[in-house]
Amino acid sequence: MIVLQLLSAGIEFWKEEIIQIIADLTGTNTIYERSDVQVRKLEGLDTQTGLLYGQEPDELVEIEEDGLRYWVDVRKGHKTGTYLDQKMNRNLIGKMCSGLSVLDCFSYSGGFSMQALKNNAESVTLVDESVGALQLAEKHILSNGLPGKKMTLLQGDVFELLRKFRDQARTFDAIILDPPQFAPTASHKDKAARWYKDINLLALKLLHPGGLLATFSCSGGISREFFLRILSGA
């Protein structure tokens, strides 16, 4: 199964050819479109979702990553349903979390926490605004035979919960920050910089001395160099 997200007018122009080439090269029985992001409007394009080729996908599609099973909602999940670009980071950070108490912020369906538990983390606390995402994370952890007793699920605004933890003087050995994009375009850069600085500063205050902070930015309007300057300022 292939899930596509087309963001530019140039790629949209070649859509039919791209679909056929992907079908021919992969032999897939399903190509599904998730071009439902507002950035398409900057290119004069409407948002679109739906079946492009073959059979309708199941409500949840099962995949495997590093020996762990995931269920992906390709119709309503984030972006194309899951974040394959974070696969190597999930694997790497999971190995670094052995024996640690882990706070997984913007946890979505629990990929980082699954890898942490697979590598014998002491505990994982998953925080996300979406009840559905946390339910899926719980399903992933329990279905893979990982220790549910080490798992805590918290639904709510991550910024508010981090401030609450700070006020309670709670600390963690490892904190993962994988937020949604704060700056989809350069025009959002200054506002996003304040958010990134705020959330990373909060996380640093919750870390044990010598703890691990794994922080990410998926914002197209934030360069690597600018992100590093934000972190230095925190």
C-alpha atoms as a PDB file:
ATOM      1  CA  MET A   1       0.000   0.000   0.000  1.00  0.00           C
ATOM      2  CA  ILE A   2       1.199   3.505  -0.896  1.00  0.00           C
ATOM      3  CA  VAL A   3      -0.060   6.782   0.603  1.00  0.00           C
ATOM      4  CA  LEU A   4       0.658   9.979  -1.351  1.00  0.00           C
ATOM      5  CA  GLN A   5       0.636  13.620  -0.327  1.00  0.00           C
ATOM      6  CA  LEU A   6       1.090  16.068  -3.200  1.00  0.00           C
ATOM      7  CA  LEU A   7       1.941  19.620  -2.155  1.00  0.00           C
ATOM      8  CA  SER A   8       2.943  21.552  -5.276  1.00  0.00           C
ATOM      9  CA  ALA A   9       1.270  22.514  -8.542  1.00  0.00           C
ATOM     10  CA  GLY A  10       4.180  21.061 -10.498  1.00  0.00           C
ATOM     11  CA  ILE A  11       3.749  17.618  -8.970  1.00  0.00           C
ATOM     12  CA  GLU A  12      -0.044  17.869  -9.249  1.00  0.00           C
ATOM     13  CA  PHE A  13       0.332  18.397 -13.009  1.00  0.00           C
ATOM     14  CA  TRP A  14       2.036  14.987 -13.325  1.00  0.00           C
ATOM     15  CA  LYS A  15      -0.281  13.227 -10.868  1.00  0.00           C
ATOM     16  CA  GLU A  16      -1.712  10.599 -13.211  1.00  0.00           C
ATOM     17  CA  GLU A  17       1.723   9.693 -14.561  1.00  0.00           C
ATOM     18  CA  ILE A  18       3.133   9.447 -11.031  1.00  0.00           C
ATOM     19  CA  ILE A  19       0.318   7.140  -9.938  1.00  0.00           C
ATOM     20  CA  GLN A  20       0.885   4.808 -12.873  1.00  0.00           C
ATOM     21  CA  ILE A  21       4.661   4.717 -12.421  1.00  0.00           C
ATOM     22  CA  ILE A  22       4.340   3.923  -8.701  1.00  0.00           C
ATOM     23  CA  ALA A  23       1.818   1.175  -9.436  1.00  0.00           C
ATOM     24  CA  ASP A  24       4.084  -0.336 -12.099  1.00  0.00           C
ATOM     25  CA  LEU A  25       7.266  -0.167 -10.010  1.00  0.00           C
ATOM     26  CA  THR A  26       5.859  -1.414  -6.703  1.00  0.00           C
ATOM     27  CA  GLY A  27       3.044  -3.740  -7.713  1.00  0.00           C
ATOM     28  CA  THR A  28       0.967  -2.242  -4.899  1.00  0.00           C
ATOM     29  CA  ASN A  29      -2.739  -3.009  -4.703  1.00  0.00           C
ATOM     30  CA  THR A  30      -3.633   0.380  -3.193  1.00  0.00           C
ATOM     31  CA  ILE A  31      -2.585   3.997  -3.729  1.00  0.00           C
ATOM     32  CA  TYR A  32      -4.380   6.433  -1.435  1.00  0.00           C
ATOM     33  CA  GLU A  33      -4.184  10.232  -1.453  1.00  0.00           C
ATOM     34  CA  ARG A  34      -3.850  12.419   1.653  1.00  0.00           C
ATOM     35  CA  SER A  35      -3.353  15.830   0.035  1.00  0.00           C
ATOM     36  CA  ASP A  36      -5.410  17.474   2.774  1.00  0.00           C
ATOM     37  CA  VAL A  37      -2.972  20.139   3.979  1.00  0.00           C
ATOM     38  CA  GLN A  38      -3.571  23.877   3.798  1.00  0.00           C
ATOM     39  CA  VAL A  39      -0.200  24.587   2.188  1.00  0.00           C
ATOM     40  CA  ARG A  40      -1.720  23.424  -1.120  1.00  0.00           C
ATOM     41  CA  LYS A  41      -3.749  26.628  -1.173  1.00  0.00           C
ATOM     42  CA  LEU A  42      -0.512  28.598  -1.583  1.00  0.00           C
ATOM     43  CA  GLU A  43      -0.153  26.773  -4.901  1.00  0.00           C
ATOM     44  CA  GLY A  44      -3.752  27.447  -5.911  1.00  0.00           C
ATOM     45  CA  LEU A  45      -4.771  23.842  -5.233  1.00  0.00           C
ATOM     46  CA  ASP A  46      -7.756  22.405  -3.380  1.00  0.00           C
ATOM     47  CA  THR A  47      -7.291  19.771  -0.681  1.00  0.00           C
ATOM     48  CA  GLN A  48      -7.983  16.200  -1.809  1.00  0.00           C
ATOM     49  CA  THR A  49      -8.232  12.784  -0.193  1.00  0.00           C
ATOM     50  CA  GLY A  50      -9.342   9.397  -1.437  1.00  0.00           C
ATOM     51  CA  LEU A  51      -8.500   6.271  -3.360  1.00  0.00           C
ATOM     52  CA  LEU A  52      -6.329   6.816  -6.441  1.00  0.00           C
ATOM     53  CA  TYR A  53      -5.671   3.234  -7.495  1.00  0.00           C
ATOM     54  CA  GLY A  54      -6.780  -0.292  -6.625  1.00  0.00           C
ATOM     55  CA  GLN A  55      -8.610  -1.356  -3.475  1.00  0.00           C
ATOM     56  CA  GLU A  56      -9.914   0.748  -0.595  1.00  0.00           C
ATOM     57  CA  PRO A  57      -7.587   0.434   2.441  1.00  0.00           C
ATOM     58  CA  ASP A  58      -8.677  -1.101   5.728  1.00  0.00           C
ATOM     59  CA  GLU A  59      -9.699   1.253   8.524  1.00  0.00           C
ATOM     60  CA  LEU A  60      -6.340   0.525  10.181  1.00  0.00           C
ATOM     61  CA  VAL A  61      -3.429  -0.784   8.120  1.00  0.00           C
ATOM     62  CA  GLU A  62      -0.877  -2.985   9.899  1.00  0.00           C
ATOM     63  CA  ILE A  63       2.825  -2.339   9.296  1.00  0.00           C
ATOM     64  CA  GLU A  64       6.027  -3.573  10.947  1.00  0.00           C
ATOM     65  CA  GLU A  65       9.042  -1.509  12.029  1.00  0.00           C
ATOM     66  CA  ASP A  66      12.079  -2.986  13.767  1.00  0.00           C
ATOM     67  CA  GLY A  67      10.079  -6.026  14.822  1.00  0.00           C
ATOM     68  CA  LEU A  68       7.203  -3.973  16.268  1.00  0.00           C
ATOM     69  CA  ARG A  69       3.685  -3.930  14.837  1.00  0.00           C
ATOM     70  CA  TYR A  70       1.878  -0.660  14.210  1.00  0.00           C
ATOM     71  CA  TRP A  71      -1.652   0.101  13.060  1.00  0.00           C
ATOM     72  CA  VAL A  72      -1.855   3.141  10.778  1.00  0.00           C
ATOM     73  CA  ASP A  73      -4.967   5.216  10.116  1.00  0.00           C
ATOM     74  CA  VAL A  74      -4.241   6.294   6.546  1.00  0.00           C
ATOM     75  CA  ARG A  75      -7.553   8.162   6.192  1.00  0.00           C
ATOM     76  CA  LYS A  76      -7.518  10.352   9.315  1.00  0.00           C
ATOM     77  CA  GLY A  77      -4.080   9.962  10.878  1.00  0.00           C
ATOM     78  CA  HIS A  78      -1.450  12.697  10.867  1.00  0.00           C
ATOM     79  CA  LYS A  79      -0.090  13.510   7.399  1.00  0.00           C
ATOM     80  CA  THR A  80       0.062  10.160   5.566  1.00  0.00           C
ATOM     81  CA  GLY A  81      -0.795   8.196   8.711  1.00  0.00           C
ATOM     82  CA  THR A  82       2.618   7.665  10.289  1.00  0.00           C
ATOM     83  CA  TYR A  83       6.075   9.241  10.364  1.00  0.00           C
ATOM     84  CA  LEU A  84       8.460   6.950   8.505  1.00  0.00           C
ATOM     85  CA  ASP A  85      11.108   9.698   8.477  1.00  0.00           C
ATOM     86  CA  GLN A  86      11.557   9.206  12.231  1.00  0.00           C
ATOM     87  CA  LYS A  87      12.265   5.479  12.014  1.00  0.00           C
ATOM     88  CA  MET A  88      16.031   5.776  12.575  1.00  0.00           C
ATOM     89  CA  ASN A  89      15.541   8.273  15.404  1.00  0.00           C
ATOM     90  CA  ARG A  90      13.016   6.014  17.142  1.00  0.00           C
ATOM     91  CA  ASN A  91      15.486   3.148  16.972  1.00  0.00           C
ATOM     92  CA  LEU A  92      18.468   5.221  18.144  1.00  0.00           C
ATOM     93  CA  ILE A  93      16.718   7.017  20.991  1.00  0.00           C
ATOM     94  CA  GLY A  94      15.003   3.844  22.156  1.00  0.00           C
ATOM     95  CA  LYS A  95      18.406   2.222  22.680  1.00  0.00           C
ATOM     96  CA  MET A  96      19.523   5.244  24.717  1.00  0.00           C
ATOM     97  CA  CYS A  97      16.524   4.941  27.067  1.00  0.00           C
ATOM     98  CA  SER A  98      17.428   1.637  28.720  1.00  0.00           C
ATOM     99  CA  GLY A  99      16.757   1.943  32.455  1.00  0.00           C
ATOM    100  CA  LEU A 100      15.509   5.540  32.142  1.00  0.00           C
ATOM    101  CA  SER A 101      12.256   7.279  33.031  1.00  0.00           C
ATOM    102  CA  VAL A 102      10.992   8.732  29.737  1.00  0.00           C
ATOM    103  CA  LEU A 103       8.616  11.615  29.024  1.00  0.00           C
ATOM    104  CA  ASP A 104       7.328  11.313  25.443  1.00  0.00           C
ATOM    105  CA  CYS A 105       5.721  14.628  24.416  1.00  0.00           C
ATOM    106  CA  PHE A 106       3.474  14.869  21.349  1.00  0.00           C
ATOM    107  CA  SER A 107       3.639  11.088  21.476  1.00  0.00           C
ATOM    108  CA  TYR A 108       1.030  10.461  18.730  1.00  0.00           C
ATOM    109  CA  SER A 109       0.749   6.678  18.336  1.00  0.00           C
ATOM    110  CA  GLY A 110       3.644   5.863  20.655  1.00  0.00           C
ATOM    111  CA  GLY A 111       6.543   5.038  18.348  1.00  0.00           C
ATOM    112  CA  PHE A 112       9.284   6.473  20.561  1.00  0.00           C
ATOM    113  CA  SER A 113       7.769   4.963  23.714  1.00  0.00           C
ATOM    114  CA  MET A 114       7.495   1.542  22.098  1.00  0.00           C
ATOM    115  CA  GLN A 115      11.187   1.571  21.248  1.00  0.00           C
ATOM    116  CA  ALA A 116      12.041   2.793  24.747  1.00  0.00           C
ATOM    117  CA  LEU A 117      10.064  -0.044  26.354  1.00  0.00           C
ATOM    118  CA  LYS A 118      11.540  -2.541  23.908  1.00  0.00           C
ATOM    119  CA  ASN A 119      14.944  -1.461  25.224  1.00  0.00           C
ATOM    120  CA  ASN A 120      13.900  -1.826  28.885  1.00  0.00           C
ATOM    121  CA  ALA A 121      13.093   1.753  29.843  1.00  0.00           C
ATOM    122  CA  GLU A 122      12.127   2.100  33.496  1.00  0.00           C
ATOM    123  CA  SER A 123       8.890   3.918  32.593  1.00  0.00           C
ATOM    124  CA  VAL A 124       7.275   5.918  29.791  1.00  0.00           C
ATOM    125  CA  THR A 125       4.836   8.814  30.148  1.00  0.00           C
ATOM    126  CA  LEU A 126       3.048   9.648  26.893  1.00  0.00           C
ATOM    127  CA  VAL A 127       1.500  13.097  26.448  1.00  0.00           C
ATOM    128  CA  ASP A 128      -0.723  14.086  23.529  1.00  0.00           C
ATOM    129  CA  GLU A 129      -3.787  16.256  22.893  1.00  0.00           C
ATOM    130  CA  SER A 130      -5.543  13.481  20.969  1.00  0.00           C
ATOM    131  CA  VAL A 131      -7.453  10.818  22.883  1.00  0.00           C
ATOM    132  CA  GLY A 132      -7.535   8.684  19.744  1.00  0.00           C
ATOM    133  CA  ALA A 133      -3.757   8.850  19.343  1.00  0.00           C
ATOM    134  CA  LEU A 134      -3.216   7.793  22.954  1.00  0.00           C
ATOM    135  CA  GLN A 135      -5.662   4.913  22.569  1.00  0.00           C
ATOM    136  CA  LEU A 136      -3.741   3.764  19.510  1.00  0.00           C
ATOM    137  CA  ALA A 137      -0.452   4.097  21.411  1.00  0.00           C
ATOM    138  CA  GLU A 138      -1.851   1.923  24.201  1.00  0.00           C
ATOM    139  CA  LYS A 139      -2.974  -0.656  21.628  1.00  0.00           C
ATOM    140  CA  HIS A 140       0.521  -0.666  20.105  1.00  0.00           C
ATOM    141  CA  ILE A 141       2.279  -1.124  23.431  1.00  0.00           C
ATOM    142  CA  LEU A 142       0.008  -3.887  24.731  1.00  0.00           C
ATOM    143  CA  SER A 143      -0.328  -5.723  21.398  1.00  0.00           C
ATOM    144  CA  ASN A 144       3.450  -5.954  21.096  1.00  0.00           C
ATOM    145  CA  GLY A 145       3.745  -7.577  24.504  1.00  0.00           C
ATOM    146  CA  LEU A 146       5.485  -4.563  26.028  1.00  0.00           C
ATOM    147  CA  PRO A 147       4.986  -3.915  29.775  1.00  0.00           C
ATOM    148  CA  GLY A 148       1.811  -1.862  30.137  1.00  0.00           C
ATOM    149  CA  LYS A 149       2.490  -1.346  33.851  1.00  0.00           C
ATOM    150  CA  LYS A 150       5.394   0.919  32.868  1.00  0.00           C
ATOM    151  CA  MET A 151       3.116   3.119  30.734  1.00  0.00           C
ATOM    152  CA  THR A 152       1.260   6.300  31.733  1.00  0.00           C
ATOM    153  CA  LEU A 153      -1.045   8.075  29.251  1.00  0.00           C
ATOM    154  CA  LEU A 154      -1.830  11.777  29.710  1.00  0.00           C
ATOM    155  CA  GLN A 155      -4.221  13.666  27.448  1.00  0.00           C
ATOM    156  CA  GLY A 156      -3.894  17.436  27.276  1.00  0.00           C
ATOM    157  CA  ASP A 157      -1.965  20.459  26.075  1.00  0.00           C
ATOM    158  CA  VAL A 158       1.744  19.633  26.230  1.00  0.00           C
ATOM    159  CA  PHE A 159       2.797  23.156  27.212  1.00  0.00           C
ATOM    160  CA  GLU A 160       0.342  23.199  30.116  1.00  0.00           C
ATOM    161  CA  LEU A 161       1.314  19.732  31.323  1.00  0.00           C
ATOM    162  CA  LEU A 162       5.020  20.579  31.233  1.00  0.00           C
ATOM    163  CA  ARG A 163       4.349  23.681  33.328  1.00  0.00           C
ATOM    164  CA  LYS A 164       2.358  21.540  35.756  1.00  0.00           C
ATOM    165  CA  PHE A 165       5.240  19.063  36.036  1.00  0.00           C
ATOM    166  CA  ARG A 166       7.628  21.984  36.628  1.00  0.00           C
ATOM    167  CA  ASP A 167       5.452  23.334  39.429  1.00  0.00           C
ATOM    168  CA  GLN A 168       5.311  19.845  40.952  1.00  0.00           C
ATOM    169  CA  ALA A 169       9.132  19.569  40.729  1.00  0.00           C
ATOM    170  CA  ARG A 170       8.828  16.374  38.691  1.00  0.00           C
ATOM    171  CA  THR A 171      11.856  15.199  36.754  1.00  0.00           C
ATOM    172  CA  PHE A 172      12.658  12.609  34.097  1.00  0.00           C
ATOM    173  CA  ASP A 173      15.811  10.924  32.818  1.00  0.00           C
ATOM    174  CA  ALA A 174      14.879  11.409  29.157  1.00  0.00           C
ATOM    175  CA  ILE A 175      12.461  13.773  27.425  1.00  0.00           C
ATOM    176  CA  ILE A 176      11.361  13.525  23.801  1.00  0.00           C
ATOM    177  CA  LEU A 177       9.876  16.574  22.050  1.00  0.00           C
ATOM    178  CA  ASP A 178       8.456  15.831  18.605  1.00  0.00           C
ATOM    179  CA  PRO A 179       5.875  18.607  18.077  1.00  0.00           C
ATOM    180  CA  PRO A 180       3.801  19.350  14.986  1.00  0.00           C
ATOM    181  CA  GLN A 181       5.158  22.048  12.722  1.00  0.00           C
ATOM    182  CA  PHE A 182       5.042  25.449  14.379  1.00  0.00           C
ATOM    183  CA  ALA A 183       6.216  27.272  11.234  1.00  0.00           C
ATOM    184  CA  PRO A 184       4.792  25.869   7.987  1.00  0.00           C
ATOM    185  CA  THR A 185       6.186  28.911   6.142  1.00  0.00           C
ATOM    186  CA  ALA A 186       8.820  31.586   6.793  1.00  0.00           C
ATOM    187  CA  SER A 187       6.095  34.064   7.778  1.00  0.00           C
ATOM    188  CA  HIS A 188       5.498  32.050  10.973  1.00  0.00           C
ATOM    189  CA  LYS A 189       9.187  31.978  11.902  1.00  0.00           C
ATOM    190  CA  ASP A 190       9.243  34.461  14.802  1.00  0.00           C
ATOM    191  CA  LYS A 191       6.148  33.056  16.498  1.00  0.00           C
ATOM    192  CA  ALA A 192       7.439  29.513  16.095  1.00  0.00           C
ATOM    193  CA  ALA A 193      10.810  30.487  17.568  1.00  0.00           C
ATOM    194  CA  ARG A 194       9.096  31.601  20.781  1.00  0.00           C
ATOM    195  CA  TRP A 195       7.180  28.320  21.000  1.00  0.00           C
ATOM    196  CA  TYR A 196      10.274  26.197  20.375  1.00  0.00           C
ATOM    197  CA  LYS A 197      12.278  28.135  22.965  1.00  0.00           C
ATOM    198  CA  ASP A 198       9.469  27.905  25.530  1.00  0.00           C
ATOM    199  CA  ILE A 199       8.907  24.188  25.207  1.00  0.00           C
ATOM    200  CA  ASN A 200      12.602  23.285  25.187  1.00  0.00           C
ATOM    201  CA  LEU A 201      13.255  25.498  28.215  1.00  0.00           C
ATOM    202  CA  LEU A 202      10.420  23.764  30.067  1.00  0.00           C
ATOM    203  CA  ALA A 203      11.816  20.365  29.129  1.00  0.00           C
ATOM    204  CA  LEU A 204      15.318  21.258  30.302  1.00  0.00           C
ATOM    205  CA  LYS A 205      13.910  22.226  33.703  1.00  0.00           C
ATOM    206  CA  LEU A 206      12.337  18.765  33.999  1.00  0.00           C
ATOM    207  CA  LEU A 207      15.490  16.814  33.153  1.00  0.00           C
ATOM    208  CA  HIS A 208      17.596  15.075  35.756  1.00  0.00           C
ATOM    209  CA  PRO A 209      21.212  16.331  35.704  1.00  0.00           C
ATOM    210  CA  GLY A 210      22.929  14.630  32.789  1.00  0.00           C
ATOM    211  CA  GLY A 211      19.581  13.620  31.307  1.00  0.00           C
ATOM    212  CA  LEU A 212      18.739  13.120  27.636  1.00  0.00           C
ATOM    213  CA  LEU A 213      16.733  15.671  25.636  1.00  0.00           C
ATOM    214  CA  ALA A 214      15.730  14.527  22.146  1.00  0.00           C
ATOM    215  CA  THR A 215      14.119  17.483  20.393  1.00  0.00           C
ATOM    216  CA  PHE A 216      12.874  17.820  16.835  1.00  0.00           C
ATOM    217  CA  SER A 217      11.491  20.379  14.406  1.00  0.00           C
ATOM    218  CA  CYS A 218       9.519  19.492  11.278  1.00  0.00           C
ATOM    219  CA  SER A 219       8.814  23.145  10.414  1.00  0.00           C
ATOM    220  CA  GLY A 220       9.731  24.071   6.866  1.00  0.00           C
ATOM    221  CA  GLY A 221      10.156  27.702   7.901  1.00  0.00           C
ATOM    222  CA  ILE A 222      12.846  26.854  10.489  1.00  0.00           C
ATOM    223  CA  SER A 223      16.342  26.044   9.218  1.00  0.00           C
ATOM    224  CA  ARG A 224      18.688  23.710  11.082  1.00  0.00           C
ATOM    225  CA  GLU A 225      20.983  26.614  11.962  1.00  0.00           C
ATOM    226  CA  PHE A 226      18.105  28.746  13.270  1.00  0.00           C
ATOM    227  CA  PHE A 227      16.758  25.831  15.324  1.00  0.00           C
ATOM    228  CA  LEU A 228      20.176  25.341  16.924  1.00  0.00           C
ATOM    229  CA  ARG A 229      20.275  29.045  17.839  1.00  0.00           C
ATOM    230  CA  ILE A 230      16.847  28.703  19.468  1.00  0.00           C
ATOM    231  CA  LEU A 231      18.058  25.735  21.517  1.00  0.00           C
ATOM    232  CA  SER A 232      21.202  27.596  22.563  1.00  0.00           C
ATOM    233  CA  GLY A 233      19.008  30.462  23.780  1.00  0.00           C
ATOM    234  CA  ALA A 234      16.894  28.129  25.890  1.00  0.00           C
END
